[in-house]
Amino acid sequence: MEVFDTFLEGIFVASLVLFSLILIIVVGSSSGSRRPYKSKTKWLTRKEYYREYLKSEAWQRKRYVVFKRDNWTCQECGAKATEVHHLKYAKYQIGKEPIDWLVSLCSPCHRKKHN
């Protein structure tokens, strides 16, 4: 009977440890903008990582595709488009937004969208 009691105590302790680890992971991952992102050399905040992404070749290619799709025309006023606006952001996967979430705008219309 003592062996069985020891076994149950072990299972109880293991389940408490597992529950604690799950709690740490869930609470830790909901920290929003403080979620770390790994760049080539260091850990960055979400905002810093996003700014680095906007300098990347991947973003430049995606931007070109959006301009070409919209015929280099501002989708608000019809002027020449010079910027790409995100209608939505990929919350946890920066750079994974679909092309449908992006739109070509001229600089004045882009500023209006953000004000």
C-alpha atoms as a PDB file:
ATOM      1  CA  MET A   1       0.000   0.000   0.000  1.00  0.00           C
ATOM      2  CA  GLU A   2       2.911   2.393   0.699  1.00  0.00           C
ATOM      3  CA  VAL A   3       4.231   1.871  -2.833  1.00  0.00           C
ATOM      4  CA  PHE A   4       0.842   2.821  -4.263  1.00  0.00           C
ATOM      5  CA  ASP A   5       0.673   5.967  -2.073  1.00  0.00           C
ATOM      6  CA  THR A   6       4.178   6.985  -3.175  1.00  0.00           C
ATOM      7  CA  PHE A   7       3.167   6.417  -6.795  1.00  0.00           C
ATOM      8  CA  LEU A   8       0.076   8.640  -6.384  1.00  0.00           C
ATOM      9  CA  GLU A   9       2.147  11.369  -4.721  1.00  0.00           C
ATOM     10  CA  GLY A  10       4.578  11.247  -7.650  1.00  0.00           C
ATOM     11  CA  ILE A  11       1.757  11.609 -10.159  1.00  0.00           C
ATOM     12  CA  PHE A  12       0.291  14.499  -8.163  1.00  0.00           C
ATOM     13  CA  VAL A  13       3.636  16.336  -8.048  1.00  0.00           C
ATOM     14  CA  ALA A  14       4.252  15.709 -11.762  1.00  0.00           C
ATOM     15  CA  SER A  15       0.799  17.067 -12.651  1.00  0.00           C
ATOM     16  CA  LEU A  16       1.441  20.203 -10.554  1.00  0.00           C
ATOM     17  CA  VAL A  17       4.748  20.778 -12.335  1.00  0.00           C
ATOM     18  CA  LEU A  18       3.125  20.275 -15.741  1.00  0.00           C
ATOM     19  CA  PHE A  19       0.272  22.648 -14.851  1.00  0.00           C
ATOM     20  CA  SER A  20       2.797  25.274 -13.696  1.00  0.00           C
ATOM     21  CA  LEU A  21       4.775  25.007 -16.933  1.00  0.00           C
ATOM     22  CA  ILE A  22       1.631  25.355 -19.034  1.00  0.00           C
ATOM     23  CA  LEU A  23       0.586  28.396 -17.004  1.00  0.00           C
ATOM     24  CA  ILE A  24       4.000  30.009 -17.494  1.00  0.00           C
ATOM     25  CA  ILE A  25       3.865  29.402 -21.254  1.00  0.00           C
ATOM     26  CA  VAL A  26       0.324  30.736 -21.656  1.00  0.00           C
ATOM     27  CA  VAL A  27       0.807  33.824 -19.501  1.00  0.00           C
ATOM     28  CA  GLY A  28       4.268  34.507 -20.928  1.00  0.00           C
ATOM     29  CA  SER A  29       3.093  34.327 -24.538  1.00  0.00           C
ATOM     30  CA  SER A  30       0.337  36.896 -24.038  1.00  0.00           C
ATOM     31  CA  SER A  31       2.707  39.770 -23.346  1.00  0.00           C
ATOM     32  CA  GLY A  32       1.788  41.511 -26.630  1.00  0.00           C
ATOM     33  CA  SER A  33       4.416  43.894 -27.974  1.00  0.00           C
ATOM     34  CA  ARG A  34       7.041  42.579 -25.570  1.00  0.00           C
ATOM     35  CA  ARG A  35       7.170  39.263 -27.365  1.00  0.00           C
ATOM     36  CA  PRO A  36      10.793  38.834 -28.470  1.00  0.00           C
ATOM     37  CA  TYR A  37      11.739  38.304 -32.103  1.00  0.00           C
ATOM     38  CA  LYS A  38      15.113  36.980 -33.154  1.00  0.00           C
ATOM     39  CA  SER A  39      16.996  38.900 -35.798  1.00  0.00           C
ATOM     40  CA  LYS A  40      20.316  37.741 -37.241  1.00  0.00           C
ATOM     41  CA  THR A  41      22.296  39.172 -34.320  1.00  0.00           C
ATOM     42  CA  LYS A  42      19.996  39.965 -31.371  1.00  0.00           C
ATOM     43  CA  TRP A  43      16.517  39.815 -29.850  1.00  0.00           C
ATOM     44  CA  LEU A  44      14.153  42.606 -30.910  1.00  0.00           C
ATOM     45  CA  THR A  45      10.781  43.908 -29.812  1.00  0.00           C
ATOM     46  CA  ARG A  46       7.886  43.462 -32.236  1.00  0.00           C
ATOM     47  CA  LYS A  47       8.154  47.093 -33.387  1.00  0.00           C
ATOM     48  CA  GLU A  48      11.909  46.831 -33.990  1.00  0.00           C
ATOM     49  CA  TYR A  49      11.478  43.542 -35.857  1.00  0.00           C
ATOM     50  CA  TYR A  50       8.753  45.055 -38.034  1.00  0.00           C
ATOM     51  CA  ARG A  51      10.970  48.025 -38.906  1.00  0.00           C
ATOM     52  CA  GLU A  52      13.761  45.627 -39.888  1.00  0.00           C
ATOM     53  CA  TYR A  53      11.301  43.648 -42.020  1.00  0.00           C
ATOM     54  CA  LEU A  54      10.329  46.818 -43.931  1.00  0.00           C
ATOM     55  CA  LYS A  55      13.991  47.125 -45.014  1.00  0.00           C
ATOM     56  CA  SER A  56      14.157  43.526 -46.281  1.00  0.00           C
ATOM     57  CA  GLU A  57      14.176  42.255 -49.856  1.00  0.00           C
ATOM     58  CA  ALA A  58      11.109  40.142 -49.047  1.00  0.00           C
ATOM     59  CA  TRP A  59       9.112  43.284 -48.219  1.00  0.00           C
ATOM     60  CA  GLN A  60      10.414  45.065 -51.342  1.00  0.00           C
ATOM     61  CA  ARG A  61       9.250  42.144 -53.526  1.00  0.00           C
ATOM     62  CA  LYS A  62       5.820  42.055 -51.857  1.00  0.00           C
ATOM     63  CA  ARG A  63       5.532  45.825 -52.208  1.00  0.00           C
ATOM     64  CA  TYR A  64       6.343  45.592 -55.927  1.00  0.00           C
ATOM     65  CA  VAL A  65       3.640  42.935 -56.411  1.00  0.00           C
ATOM     66  CA  VAL A  66       1.077  45.185 -54.710  1.00  0.00           C
ATOM     67  CA  PHE A  67       2.065  48.219 -56.821  1.00  0.00           C
ATOM     68  CA  LYS A  68       1.876  46.137 -59.989  1.00  0.00           C
ATOM     69  CA  ARG A  69      -1.517  44.669 -59.012  1.00  0.00           C
ATOM     70  CA  ASP A  70      -2.882  48.172 -58.375  1.00  0.00           C
ATOM     71  CA  ASN A  71      -1.241  49.550 -61.551  1.00  0.00           C
ATOM     72  CA  TRP A  72       0.888  51.963 -59.473  1.00  0.00           C
ATOM     73  CA  THR A  73      -2.295  53.920 -58.687  1.00  0.00           C
ATOM     74  CA  CYS A  74      -3.504  55.179 -55.303  1.00  0.00           C
ATOM     75  CA  GLN A  75      -6.598  53.203 -54.427  1.00  0.00           C
ATOM     76  CA  GLU A  76      -8.117  56.202 -52.625  1.00  0.00           C
ATOM     77  CA  CYS A  77      -7.669  59.163 -55.010  1.00  0.00           C
ATOM     78  CA  GLY A  78      -6.223  57.764 -58.256  1.00  0.00           C
ATOM     79  CA  ALA A  79      -2.872  59.598 -58.045  1.00  0.00           C
ATOM     80  CA  LYS A  80       0.475  57.837 -58.476  1.00  0.00           C
ATOM     81  CA  ALA A  81       0.976  55.375 -55.608  1.00  0.00           C
ATOM     82  CA  THR A  82       4.239  55.667 -53.684  1.00  0.00           C
ATOM     83  CA  GLU A  83       3.467  53.667 -50.514  1.00  0.00           C
ATOM     84  CA  VAL A  84       1.842  50.410 -49.472  1.00  0.00           C
ATOM     85  CA  HIS A  85      -0.655  50.388 -46.616  1.00  0.00           C
ATOM     86  CA  HIS A  86      -1.526  47.384 -44.447  1.00  0.00           C
ATOM     87  CA  LEU A  87      -5.279  46.960 -44.090  1.00  0.00           C
ATOM     88  CA  LYS A  88      -4.550  44.280 -41.466  1.00  0.00           C
ATOM     89  CA  TYR A  89      -1.397  42.981 -39.793  1.00  0.00           C
ATOM     90  CA  ALA A  90      -0.317  39.383 -39.286  1.00  0.00           C
ATOM     91  CA  LYS A  91      -0.316  39.519 -35.491  1.00  0.00           C
ATOM     92  CA  TYR A  92       2.192  36.786 -34.689  1.00  0.00           C
ATOM     93  CA  GLN A  93       3.890  36.298 -38.057  1.00  0.00           C
ATOM     94  CA  ILE A  94       5.340  39.559 -39.256  1.00  0.00           C
ATOM     95  CA  GLY A  95       5.893  39.385 -42.987  1.00  0.00           C
ATOM     96  CA  LYS A  96       3.345  36.621 -43.552  1.00  0.00           C
ATOM     97  CA  GLU A  97       0.455  38.915 -44.441  1.00  0.00           C
ATOM     98  CA  PRO A  98      -1.353  37.984 -47.661  1.00  0.00           C
ATOM     99  CA  ILE A  99      -1.231  40.393 -50.593  1.00  0.00           C
ATOM    100  CA  ASP A 100      -4.980  40.983 -50.156  1.00  0.00           C
ATOM    101  CA  TRP A 101      -4.226  42.763 -46.870  1.00  0.00           C
ATOM    102  CA  LEU A 102      -2.081  45.385 -48.657  1.00  0.00           C
ATOM    103  CA  VAL A 103      -3.132  48.363 -50.780  1.00  0.00           C
ATOM    104  CA  SER A 104      -1.245  50.982 -52.842  1.00  0.00           C
ATOM    105  CA  LEU A 105      -1.639  54.601 -51.723  1.00  0.00           C
ATOM    106  CA  CYS A 106      -0.081  57.986 -52.410  1.00  0.00           C
ATOM    107  CA  SER A 107       1.722  59.612 -49.493  1.00  0.00           C
ATOM    108  CA  PRO A 108      -1.077  62.095 -48.534  1.00  0.00           C
ATOM    109  CA  CYS A 109      -3.732  59.348 -48.525  1.00  0.00           C
ATOM    110  CA  HIS A 110      -1.455  57.082 -46.489  1.00  0.00           C
ATOM    111  CA  ARG A 111      -0.986  59.822 -43.886  1.00  0.00           C
ATOM    112  CA  LYS A 112      -4.788  60.305 -43.736  1.00  0.00           C
ATOM    113  CA  LYS A 113      -5.224  56.557 -43.064  1.00  0.00           C
ATOM    114  CA  HIS A 114      -2.897  56.789 -40.058  1.00  0.00           C
ATOM    115  CA  ASN A 115      -4.340  59.994 -38.577  1.00  0.00           C
END
